[in-house]
C-alpha atoms as a PDB file:
ATOM      1  CA  MET A   1     300.177 183.955 148.092  1.00  0.00           C
ATOM      2  CA  LYS A   2     300.718 181.757 151.072  1.00  0.00           C
ATOM      3  CA  ALA A   3     297.724 180.342 152.869  1.00  0.00           C
ATOM      4  CA  LYS A   4     297.339 181.396 156.481  1.00  0.00           C
ATOM      5  CA  LYS A   5     297.838 178.618 158.979  1.00  0.00           C
ATOM      6  CA  SER A   6     294.789 178.084 161.102  1.00  0.00           C
ATOM      7  CA  ASN A   7     295.416 176.987 164.633  1.00  0.00           C
ATOM      8  CA  ARG A   8     292.570 174.717 165.490  1.00  0.00           C
ATOM      9  CA  THR A   9     292.485 174.632 169.259  1.00  0.00           C
ATOM     10  CA  ARG A  10     288.984 173.341 169.948  1.00  0.00           C
ATOM     11  CA  ILE A  11     288.304 169.625 170.103  1.00  0.00           C
ATOM     12  CA  ILE A  12     284.927 167.957 169.812  1.00  0.00           C
ATOM     13  CA  GLY A  13     284.589 164.414 171.151  1.00  0.00           C
ATOM     14  CA  LEU A  14     281.984 162.350 169.356  1.00  0.00           C
ATOM     15  CA  ARG A  15     280.880 158.798 170.016  1.00  0.00           C
ATOM     16  CA  LEU A  16     279.353 156.756 167.214  1.00  0.00           C
ATOM     17  CA  LEU A  17     277.819 153.332 166.836  1.00  0.00           C
ATOM     18  CA  THR A  18     279.895 150.837 164.899  1.00  0.00           C
ATOM     19  CA  SER A  19     277.433 151.012 162.013  1.00  0.00           C
ATOM     20  CA  GLU A  20     277.506 154.834 162.020  1.00  0.00           C
ATOM     21  CA  TYR A  21     281.286 154.889 161.979  1.00  0.00           C
ATOM     22  CA  ALA A  22     281.380 152.273 159.206  1.00  0.00           C
ATOM     23  CA  LYS A  23     279.048 154.418 157.065  1.00  0.00           C
ATOM     24  CA  LEU A  24     281.117 157.545 157.766  1.00  0.00           C
ATOM     25  CA  GLU A  25     284.359 155.720 156.956  1.00  0.00           C
ATOM     26  CA  LYS A  26     282.901 154.310 153.715  1.00  0.00           C
ATOM     27  CA  GLU A  27     281.870 157.792 152.571  1.00  0.00           C
ATOM     28  CA  TRP A  28     285.249 159.206 153.603  1.00  0.00           C
ATOM     29  CA  ASN A  29     287.103 156.497 151.636  1.00  0.00           C
ATOM     30  CA  ALA A  30     285.014 157.344 148.565  1.00  0.00           C
ATOM     31  CA  SER A  31     286.113 160.971 148.825  1.00  0.00           C
ATOM     32  CA  THR A  32     289.426 162.580 147.981  1.00  0.00           C
ATOM     33  CA  CYS A  33     289.941 163.804 151.576  1.00  0.00           C
ATOM     34  CA  ARG A  34     293.130 162.415 153.064  1.00  0.00           C
ATOM     35  CA  LYS A  35     292.134 162.779 156.698  1.00  0.00           C
ATOM     36  CA  LEU A  36     288.891 161.811 158.359  1.00  0.00           C
ATOM     37  CA  SER A  37     288.907 165.094 160.273  1.00  0.00           C
ATOM     38  CA  ASP A  38     289.021 167.049 156.994  1.00  0.00           C
ATOM     39  CA  TYR A  39     286.097 165.030 155.661  1.00  0.00           C
ATOM     40  CA  VAL A  40     284.007 165.520 158.826  1.00  0.00           C
ATOM     41  CA  ARG A  41     284.799 169.253 158.875  1.00  0.00           C
ATOM     42  CA  LYS A  42     283.648 169.623 155.269  1.00  0.00           C
ATOM     43  CA  ARG A  43     280.447 167.706 155.985  1.00  0.00           C
ATOM     44  CA  LEU A  44     279.790 169.711 159.133  1.00  0.00           C
ATOM     45  CA  PHE A  45     280.169 173.070 157.397  1.00  0.00           C
ATOM     46  CA  GLN A  46     278.451 171.858 154.195  1.00  0.00           C
ATOM     47  CA  LYS A  47     281.445 172.448 151.976  1.00  0.00           C
ATOM     48  CA  PRO A  48     281.694 170.581 148.679  1.00  0.00           C
ATOM     49  CA  ILE A  49     283.313 167.162 148.861  1.00  0.00           C
ATOM     50  CA  VAL A  50     284.967 165.662 145.814  1.00  0.00           C
ATOM     51  CA  THR A  51     284.276 161.969 145.499  1.00  0.00           C
ATOM     52  CA  THR A  52     286.093 159.504 143.323  1.00  0.00           C
ATOM     53  CA  TYR A  53     284.140 157.747 140.606  1.00  0.00           C
ATOM     54  CA  ARG A  54     284.968 154.753 138.469  1.00  0.00           C
ATOM     55  CA  ASP A  55     283.012 154.052 135.322  1.00  0.00           C
ATOM     56  CA  ALA A  56     281.868 150.460 135.775  1.00  0.00           C
ATOM     57  CA  SER A  57     280.571 150.323 132.197  1.00  0.00           C
ATOM     58  CA  LEU A  58     284.139 149.798 131.006  1.00  0.00           C
ATOM     59  CA  ASP A  59     284.695 146.673 133.147  1.00  0.00           C
ATOM     60  CA  ASP A  60     283.651 144.140 130.478  1.00  0.00           C
ATOM     61  CA  PHE A  61     285.522 146.084 127.805  1.00  0.00           C
ATOM     62  CA  MET A  62     288.699 146.083 129.903  1.00  0.00           C
ATOM     63  CA  ILE A  63     288.507 142.327 130.543  1.00  0.00           C
ATOM     64  CA  GLU A  64     288.090 141.604 126.817  1.00  0.00           C
ATOM     65  CA  THR A  65     290.832 144.075 125.905  1.00  0.00           C
ATOM     66  CA  ILE A  66     293.292 142.518 128.349  1.00  0.00           C
ATOM     67  CA  GLN A  67     292.522 139.057 126.932  1.00  0.00           C
ATOM     68  CA  LEU A  68     293.000 140.396 123.403  1.00  0.00           C
ATOM     69  CA  LYS A  69     296.335 141.929 124.386  1.00  0.00           C
ATOM     70  CA  THR A  70     297.494 138.618 125.858  1.00  0.00           C
ATOM     71  CA  GLU A  71     296.446 136.719 122.735  1.00  0.00           C
ATOM     72  CA  LEU A  72     298.161 139.239 120.443  1.00  0.00           C
ATOM     73  CA  ASN A  73     301.376 138.904 122.443  1.00  0.00           C
ATOM     74  CA  ALA A  74     301.207 135.098 122.158  1.00  0.00           C
ATOM     75  CA  ILE A  75     300.522 135.243 118.397  1.00  0.00           C
ATOM     76  CA  GLY A  76     303.373 137.689 117.869  1.00  0.00           C
ATOM     77  CA  SER A  77     305.738 135.549 119.915  1.00  0.00           C
ATOM     78  CA  ASN A  78     304.805 132.371 118.026  1.00  0.00           C
ATOM     79  CA  PHE A  79     305.175 134.184 114.698  1.00  0.00           C
ATOM     80  CA  ASN A  80     308.599 135.473 115.720  1.00  0.00           C
ATOM     81  CA  GLN A  81     309.734 131.968 116.730  1.00  0.00           C
ATOM     82  CA  ALA A  82     308.579 130.546 113.380  1.00  0.00           C
ATOM     83  CA  VAL A  83     310.485 133.208 111.431  1.00  0.00           C
ATOM     84  CA  LYS A  84     313.640 132.584 113.479  1.00  0.00           C
ATOM     85  CA  LYS A  85     313.312 128.862 112.769  1.00  0.00           C
ATOM     86  CA  LEU A  86     312.986 129.560 109.029  1.00  0.00           C
ATOM     87  CA  HIS A  87     316.115 131.721 109.117  1.00  0.00           C
ATOM     88  CA  THR A  88     318.091 128.536 109.675  1.00  0.00           C
ATOM     89  CA  LEU A  89     316.847 127.181 106.305  1.00  0.00           C
ATOM     90  CA  GLN A  90     318.315 129.960 104.145  1.00  0.00           C
ATOM     91  CA  GLN A  91     319.969 127.576 101.683  1.00  0.00           C
ATOM     92  CA  ILE A  92     316.649 126.964  99.882  1.00  0.00           C
ATOM     93  CA  PRO A  93     315.826 129.964  97.593  1.00  0.00           C
ATOM     94  CA  GLU A  94     312.030 129.729  98.085  1.00  0.00           C
ATOM     95  CA  PHE A  95     312.437 129.989 101.842  1.00  0.00           C
ATOM     96  CA  LYS A  96     314.713 132.983 101.419  1.00  0.00           C
ATOM     97  CA  ASP A  97     311.968 134.904  99.579  1.00  0.00           C
ATOM     98  CA  TRP A  98     309.391 133.780 102.132  1.00  0.00           C
ATOM     99  CA  ILE A  99     311.634 134.885 104.997  1.00  0.00           C
ATOM    100  CA  ILE A 100     312.177 138.349 103.508  1.00  0.00           C
ATOM    101  CA  ASN A 101     308.451 138.792 102.908  1.00  0.00           C
ATOM    102  CA  TYR A 102     307.473 137.633 106.381  1.00  0.00           C
ATOM    103  CA  ASP A 103     310.183 139.685 108.082  1.00  0.00           C
ATOM    104  CA  LEU A 104     308.357 142.719 106.729  1.00  0.00           C
ATOM    105  CA  GLN A 105     305.001 141.321 107.856  1.00  0.00           C
ATOM    106  CA  ASN A 106     306.488 140.585 111.273  1.00  0.00           C
ATOM    107  CA  LYS A 107     307.581 144.213 111.674  1.00  0.00           C
ATOM    108  CA  ILE A 108     304.120 145.429 110.649  1.00  0.00           C
ATOM    109  CA  LEU A 109     302.479 143.008 113.089  1.00  0.00           C
ATOM    110  CA  PHE A 110     304.659 144.076 116.002  1.00  0.00           C
ATOM    111  CA  ASN A 111     304.157 147.764 115.206  1.00  0.00           C
ATOM    112  CA  LYS A 112     300.396 147.225 115.307  1.00  0.00           C
ATOM    113  CA  VAL A 113     300.655 145.240 118.533  1.00  0.00           C
ATOM    114  CA  GLU A 114     302.649 148.083 120.105  1.00  0.00           C
ATOM    115  CA  GLU A 115     300.076 150.587 118.874  1.00  0.00           C
ATOM    116  CA  ILE A 116     297.291 148.512 120.443  1.00  0.00           C
ATOM    117  CA  LYS A 117     299.251 148.209 123.698  1.00  0.00           C
ATOM    118  CA  LYS A 118     299.648 151.996 123.892  1.00  0.00           C
ATOM    119  CA  HIS A 119     295.953 152.471 123.248  1.00  0.00           C
ATOM    120  CA  ILE A 120     295.075 149.887 125.909  1.00  0.00           C
ATOM    121  CA  GLN A 121     297.406 151.628 128.357  1.00  0.00           C
ATOM    122  CA  LYS A 122     295.687 154.988 127.773  1.00  0.00           C
ATOM    123  CA  ILE A 123     292.254 153.420 128.288  1.00  0.00           C
ATOM    124  CA  SER A 124     293.478 151.588 131.399  1.00  0.00           C
ATOM    125  CA  GLU A 125     294.808 154.779 132.946  1.00  0.00           C
ATOM    126  CA  LYS A 126     291.523 156.545 132.257  1.00  0.00           C
ATOM    127  CA  TRP A 127     289.537 153.598 133.624  1.00  0.00           C
ATOM    128  CA  LEU A 128     291.563 153.357 136.822  1.00  0.00           C
ATOM    129  CA  GLN A 129     291.043 156.999 137.773  1.00  0.00           C
END
């Protein structure tokens, strides 16, 4: 079903104080209405207005999580550099065993870091809505 186009032909001129307009604009920006006229029309006819809401309780969590993500990336990078450096010392048998063992640990570490990154991304997307 196609919606009928409404031809709005009547115009209402309205003068506001700067403070009144600022309050109206603030409320409009907090809503999901794209046009100020749509917002005013909904308010005038007492239709429901959907407002956006951000859960501020997650702010501290997000800051800590972002710091944790940064630290994990740095640890993983340093670990990777150390393993690459040890790969150059393959002539010593003890290092060879250590390298094989820590290659496996490196893969596990990076898989976990990626898992954490995905989880952080999901939480970030939810938080930013």
